[in-house]
Amino acid sequence: MITKSHIPQWKLEEVNNLIELFKTYSNVAVIEVAHLNDLQIQTMRKILRGKAIFRMSKKSLQTRAIEKFKKESKKANLDELASHIPGQSSLVFTNLDLIELKSIFHDYEWMVPAKPNDITPVDIWVPEGDTGLPTGQVISELNMTLKLPTRIMNDTIHIREDTRTHKAGDLVSVKQAAVLKKLGITPIESLIKIHFAWADGEIIPEDVLYMDMDQFKRDVVTGYREALAILFEMPFIEGSMTEEYLRKAVSEANTIEAMLFGEGIPTPTEPEAKKEEKKKDDEEEEPGEEVGIGGLFG
């Protein structure tokens, strides 16, 4: 007889806990934890207490909870959320705006040790001075593993001069990482970063969350103005539509400017004297006189 394998109670409880969090909070951020340390997570939990819940679970339990919540809630894009959860991750449940959550993460940066068997993104330097380490076996590790210039002073090991042990792009071996950590060298900047987010059915990918909004505003305005410039350089224009066209173009530019920067550009108006002159010219115009693009060519 074939029987179903027994599912541990803790797994069932974890799935149910995750489902309750999905029901309670409208936004879910996915963060990768492979390159984070426990101190970062614990510190951020304290900072966001009452505002966000960090839940680190096995991926299989996370995806199971999402599947069950999808059936119950009928919310959109939950399958896409599940597909973007990496192997080592935490789900962050919150009702905060996700841009605000990203900003809070960005305000807290840690310097962490280089990871063993990892490529360093920066140059790694060991500064001149007292390491605080006693003489003994460790001095050979400093000399042989990191090729550091050392000397003994007051029974502790000193580094004779600032020394670069790795260039950006170099591999940090297991032994090198261990010695650097022993020296207290923390060269790597580490931020908690949102890998993917789900906002009550809407998907927000990483590139949108971390978009440079100031540059985006500049690109929109520049693109719009360049389009107008090209239009104005066209070799022809419908004469009877000139005023209407210009007013519409300026009006649209004014709207975009106001949306992006909170202020508009003045809409040009004709001086009263010019209006009167134009009115007089119109009255003197002969009936049936050709107006429009044909008039431009004689």
Protein backbone atom coordinates (compact mmCIF):
# COMPACT_ATOMS: atom_id res chain seq x y z
CA MET A 1 0.00 0.00 0.00
CA ILE A 2 1.28 3.47 -0.95
CA THR A 3 0.76 6.11 1.71
CA LYS A 4 1.29 9.85 1.58
CA SER A 5 4.47 10.98 3.22
CA HIS A 6 3.90 12.72 6.50
CA ILE A 7 4.28 16.54 6.33
CA PRO A 8 5.92 17.89 9.48
CA GLN A 9 3.67 20.12 11.56
CA TRP A 10 6.16 23.01 11.52
CA LYS A 11 5.98 23.14 7.72
CA LEU A 12 2.19 23.33 7.78
CA GLU A 13 2.34 26.08 10.41
CA GLU A 14 4.89 28.08 8.42
CA VAL A 15 2.76 27.96 5.27
CA ASN A 16 -0.28 29.10 7.26
CA ASN A 17 1.72 31.91 8.87
CA LEU A 18 2.83 33.12 5.44
CA ILE A 19 -0.74 33.04 4.13
CA GLU A 20 -1.90 35.16 7.09
CA LEU A 21 0.86 37.68 6.36
CA PHE A 22 -0.27 37.87 2.72
CA LYS A 23 -3.78 38.61 3.97
CA THR A 24 -2.62 41.25 6.47
CA TYR A 25 -0.17 43.23 4.35
CA SER A 26 -0.74 44.64 0.88
CA ASN A 27 2.91 44.79 -0.25
CA VAL A 28 5.57 42.09 -0.41
CA ALA A 29 9.25 42.74 -1.13
CA VAL A 30 11.68 39.94 -1.99
CA ILE A 31 15.23 40.41 -0.73
CA GLU A 32 18.20 38.12 -1.36
CA VAL A 33 20.00 37.23 1.85
CA ALA A 34 22.96 35.25 0.45
CA HIS A 35 25.25 38.32 0.69
CA LEU A 36 23.79 39.74 3.90
CA ASN A 37 24.79 38.96 7.47
CA ASP A 38 22.59 38.34 10.50
CA LEU A 39 23.43 41.72 12.02
CA GLN A 40 21.99 43.56 9.01
CA ILE A 41 18.72 41.65 9.13
CA GLN A 42 18.36 41.92 12.91
CA THR A 43 19.11 45.67 12.87
CA MET A 44 16.59 46.32 10.10
CA ARG A 45 13.95 44.27 11.91
CA LYS A 46 14.32 46.59 14.92
CA ILE A 47 14.20 49.73 12.76
CA LEU A 48 11.03 48.56 10.98
CA ARG A 49 9.30 47.03 14.01
CA GLY A 50 5.56 47.57 13.66
CA LYS A 51 5.95 48.57 10.00
CA ALA A 52 7.32 45.47 8.29
CA ILE A 53 7.74 41.74 8.93
CA PHE A 54 10.79 39.82 7.67
CA ARG A 55 10.04 36.16 7.05
CA MET A 56 12.90 33.85 6.06
CA SER A 57 11.55 30.47 4.98
CA LYS A 58 12.46 27.69 2.60
CA LYS A 59 11.58 28.53 -0.99
CA SER A 60 9.32 25.48 -1.25
CA LEU A 61 7.23 26.75 1.67
CA GLN A 62 7.10 30.29 0.27
CA THR A 63 5.88 29.11 -3.11
CA ARG A 64 3.35 26.74 -1.48
CA ALA A 65 1.94 29.61 0.57
CA ILE A 66 1.71 31.82 -2.54
CA GLU A 67 -0.11 29.05 -4.41
CA LYS A 68 -2.68 28.62 -1.64
CA PHE A 69 -3.13 32.38 -1.18
CA LYS A 70 -3.69 32.76 -4.92
CA LYS A 71 -6.53 30.23 -4.82
CA GLU A 72 -8.15 31.95 -1.86
CA SER A 73 -7.68 35.59 -2.86
CA LYS A 74 -7.75 35.48 -6.69
CA LYS A 75 -5.10 38.22 -6.63
CA ALA A 76 -3.16 38.87 -9.83
CA ASN A 77 0.50 38.19 -10.65
CA LEU A 78 1.21 35.86 -7.72
CA ASP A 79 2.71 33.25 -10.06
CA GLU A 80 5.19 35.87 -11.28
CA LEU A 81 6.05 36.74 -7.69
CA ALA A 82 6.77 33.06 -6.95
CA SER A 83 8.96 32.75 -10.05
CA HIS A 84 11.18 35.63 -8.90
CA ILE A 85 12.02 34.26 -5.45
CA PRO A 86 15.71 33.22 -5.35
CA GLY A 87 17.03 30.26 -3.39
CA GLN A 88 18.08 32.22 -0.31
CA SER A 89 15.57 34.97 0.33
CA SER A 90 13.38 36.73 2.83
CA LEU A 91 9.88 38.00 2.14
CA VAL A 92 9.23 41.41 3.66
CA PHE A 93 5.54 42.07 4.33
CA THR A 94 4.54 45.70 4.76
CA ASN A 95 1.88 48.33 4.16
CA LEU A 96 4.57 50.95 3.59
CA ASP A 97 4.94 52.34 0.10
CA LEU A 98 7.63 50.23 -1.54
CA ILE A 99 9.62 53.30 -2.61
CA GLU A 100 9.67 54.38 1.04
CA LEU A 101 10.81 50.90 2.11
CA LYS A 102 13.59 51.02 -0.50
CA SER A 103 14.69 54.42 0.84
CA ILE A 104 14.87 53.10 4.41
CA PHE A 105 17.02 50.19 3.26
CA HIS A 106 19.24 52.61 1.33
CA ASP A 107 19.83 54.76 4.43
CA TYR A 108 21.55 51.91 6.25
CA GLU A 109 24.78 50.70 4.68
CA TRP A 110 27.14 48.19 6.24
CA MET A 111 30.79 47.45 5.57
CA VAL A 112 31.31 43.69 5.64
CA PRO A 113 34.23 41.26 5.22
CA ALA A 114 35.15 39.82 1.85
CA LYS A 115 33.48 36.45 1.30
CA PRO A 116 35.64 33.37 0.68
CA ASN A 117 35.84 32.19 -2.94
CA ASP A 118 34.16 35.40 -4.07
CA ILE A 119 35.22 38.10 -6.53
CA THR A 120 35.88 41.37 -4.78
CA PRO A 121 34.17 44.39 -6.41
CA VAL A 122 36.69 46.80 -4.85
CA ASP A 123 40.38 47.07 -4.08
CA ILE A 124 41.18 45.65 -0.63
CA TRP A 125 43.71 47.50 1.52
CA VAL A 126 45.26 46.65 4.87
CA PRO A 127 46.27 49.87 6.66
CA GLU A 128 49.59 50.59 8.30
CA GLY A 129 49.68 50.20 12.08
CA ASP A 130 49.15 47.89 15.01
CA THR A 131 46.98 44.86 14.23
CA GLY A 132 46.53 44.07 17.92
CA LEU A 133 47.40 40.46 17.13
CA PRO A 134 50.04 38.70 19.29
CA THR A 135 53.12 37.16 17.79
CA GLY A 136 52.98 33.51 16.81
CA GLN A 137 51.54 31.47 13.97
CA VAL A 138 49.43 34.39 12.74
CA ILE A 139 52.48 36.31 11.54
CA SER A 140 53.24 33.64 8.94
CA GLU A 141 49.60 33.86 7.77
CA LEU A 142 50.00 37.59 7.25
CA ASN A 143 53.31 37.17 5.43
CA MET A 144 52.54 34.10 3.35
CA THR A 145 48.79 34.37 2.69
CA LEU A 146 48.47 38.12 2.17
CA LYS A 147 52.16 39.04 1.63
CA LEU A 148 51.92 41.84 4.17
CA PRO A 149 55.07 43.68 5.35
CA THR A 150 55.13 43.14 9.13
CA ARG A 151 57.23 43.83 12.20
CA ILE A 152 56.97 43.11 15.92
CA MET A 153 56.52 46.02 18.34
CA ASN A 154 55.50 45.72 21.99
CA ASP A 155 54.66 42.03 21.50
CA THR A 156 52.06 42.69 18.77
CA ILE A 157 52.22 42.52 14.99
CA HIS A 158 52.34 45.82 13.10
CA ILE A 159 51.83 46.42 9.38
CA ARG A 160 54.72 48.58 8.14
CA GLU A 161 52.79 50.39 5.38
CA ASP A 162 49.37 50.56 3.72
CA THR A 163 49.20 47.49 1.49
CA ARG A 164 46.76 46.51 -1.25
CA THR A 165 46.11 42.78 -1.06
CA HIS A 166 43.53 42.53 -3.87
CA LYS A 167 42.47 44.55 -6.87
CA ALA A 168 38.81 44.84 -7.89
CA GLY A 169 37.94 41.68 -9.84
CA ASP A 170 40.39 39.43 -7.93
CA LEU A 171 39.27 36.20 -6.33
CA VAL A 172 39.47 36.11 -2.53
CA SER A 173 40.50 32.61 -1.46
CA VAL A 174 39.19 30.90 1.66
CA LYS A 175 42.49 31.42 3.52
CA GLN A 176 42.76 35.05 2.46
CA ALA A 177 39.20 35.78 3.54
CA ALA A 178 39.88 34.21 6.95
CA VAL A 179 43.03 36.29 7.53
CA LEU A 180 41.36 39.52 6.36
CA LYS A 181 38.49 38.86 8.75
CA LYS A 182 40.98 38.19 11.56
CA LEU A 183 42.48 41.61 10.85
CA GLY A 184 39.04 43.21 10.99
CA ILE A 185 39.15 44.34 7.35
CA THR A 186 35.61 45.07 6.07
CA PRO A 187 36.00 46.51 2.55
CA ILE A 188 32.68 45.52 0.96
CA GLU A 189 29.68 47.86 0.98
CA SER A 190 26.48 45.95 1.70
CA LEU A 191 22.93 47.19 1.31
CA ILE A 192 19.64 45.39 1.78
CA LYS A 193 18.22 45.61 -1.73
CA ILE A 194 14.77 44.71 -3.02
CA HIS A 195 15.11 42.06 -5.71
CA PHE A 196 11.44 42.04 -6.72
CA ALA A 197 8.17 43.36 -5.32
CA TRP A 198 4.43 42.68 -5.43
CA ALA A 199 1.96 45.43 -4.51
CA ASP A 200 -1.58 44.10 -4.09
CA GLY A 201 -1.56 42.47 -7.52
CA GLU A 202 0.85 44.82 -9.26
CA ILE A 203 4.38 43.70 -10.11
CA ILE A 204 7.26 46.11 -9.48
CA PRO A 205 10.60 44.85 -10.84
CA GLU A 206 13.96 45.95 -9.47
CA ASP A 207 14.81 48.26 -12.38
CA VAL A 208 11.63 50.28 -11.76
CA LEU A 209 12.13 50.49 -8.00
CA TYR A 210 15.68 51.75 -8.41
CA MET A 211 15.06 54.05 -11.36
CA ASP A 212 16.83 57.42 -11.19
CA MET A 213 13.74 59.65 -11.10
CA ASP A 214 15.66 62.90 -11.59
CA GLN A 215 17.29 61.50 -14.73
CA PHE A 216 13.92 60.15 -15.88
CA LYS A 217 12.38 63.62 -15.56
CA ARG A 218 15.24 65.14 -17.54
CA ASP A 219 14.94 62.47 -20.24
CA VAL A 220 11.17 63.05 -20.62
CA VAL A 221 11.52 66.81 -20.94
CA THR A 222 14.53 66.55 -23.26
CA GLY A 223 12.79 63.97 -25.46
CA TYR A 224 9.65 66.09 -25.72
CA ARG A 225 11.57 69.23 -26.61
CA GLU A 226 13.66 67.38 -29.20
CA ALA A 227 10.48 66.07 -30.81
CA LEU A 228 9.09 69.61 -31.03
CA ALA A 229 12.37 70.88 -32.48
CA ILE A 230 12.26 68.26 -35.24
CA LEU A 231 8.65 69.14 -35.97
CA PHE A 232 9.42 72.82 -36.29
CA GLU A 233 12.25 72.06 -38.74
CA MET A 234 9.89 70.33 -41.17
CA PRO A 235 10.01 71.96 -44.64
CA PHE A 236 6.27 72.66 -44.64
CA ILE A 237 3.49 73.69 -42.30
CA GLU A 238 -0.24 74.12 -42.73
CA GLY A 239 -0.60 77.88 -42.62
CA SER A 240 -4.20 77.97 -41.41
CA MET A 241 -3.27 75.76 -38.45
CA THR A 242 -0.15 77.63 -37.30
CA GLU A 243 -1.69 79.40 -34.29
CA GLU A 244 -3.68 76.39 -33.17
CA TYR A 245 -0.65 74.11 -33.54
CA LEU A 246 1.64 76.38 -31.55
CA ARG A 247 -0.89 76.87 -28.77
CA LYS A 248 -1.47 73.13 -28.50
CA ALA A 249 2.27 72.40 -28.44
CA VAL A 250 2.94 74.99 -25.74
CA SER A 251 -0.06 73.80 -23.73
CA GLU A 252 1.18 70.20 -23.77
CA ALA A 253 4.71 71.25 -22.89
CA ASN A 254 3.28 73.32 -20.02
CA THR A 255 1.35 70.32 -18.72
CA ILE A 256 4.39 68.02 -18.79
CA GLU A 257 6.57 70.67 -17.15
CA ALA A 258 4.03 71.15 -14.36
CA MET A 259 3.68 67.41 -13.76
CA LEU A 260 7.42 66.85 -13.51
CA PHE A 261 8.64 70.00 -11.78
CA GLY A 262 5.55 71.55 -10.22
CA GLU A 263 5.73 74.66 -12.37
CA GLY A 264 4.77 75.53 -15.88
CA ILE A 265 6.02 77.70 -18.68
CA PRO A 266 4.09 80.81 -19.70
CA THR A 267 1.74 80.45 -22.65
CA PRO A 268 2.55 83.24 -25.11
CA THR A 269 -0.25 85.68 -25.83
CA GLU A 270 -0.49 88.18 -28.66
CA PRO A 271 -0.10 91.88 -27.77
CA GLU A 272 -3.38 93.81 -28.04
CA ALA A 273 -1.97 96.07 -30.77
CA LYS A 274 -1.02 93.04 -32.86
CA LYS A 275 -4.48 91.54 -32.39
CA GLU A 276 -6.12 94.77 -33.61
CA GLU A 277 -3.79 94.90 -36.62
CA LYS A 278 -4.56 91.31 -37.48
CA LYS A 279 -8.30 91.94 -37.14
CA LYS A 280 -8.02 94.91 -39.51
CA ASP A 281 -6.06 92.83 -42.06
CA ASP A 282 -8.70 90.11 -41.91
CA GLU A 283 -11.47 92.62 -42.58
CA GLU A 284 -9.62 93.97 -45.62
CA GLU A 285 -8.99 90.50 -47.08
CA GLU A 286 -10.82 89.91 -50.33
CA PRO A 287 -13.48 87.13 -50.32
CA GLY A 288 -12.29 83.93 -51.92
CA GLU A 289 -8.59 84.77 -51.48
CA GLU A 290 -6.59 81.55 -51.21
CA VAL A 291 -5.48 80.75 -47.66
CA GLY A 292 -3.34 77.84 -46.54
CA ILE A 293 -0.40 75.93 -47.90
CA GLY A 294 -1.19 76.96 -51.52
CA GLY A 295 -0.70 80.61 -50.56
CA LEU A 296 2.85 79.91 -49.45
CA PHE A 297 3.90 79.21 -53.02
CA GLY A 298 2.40 82.25 -54.71
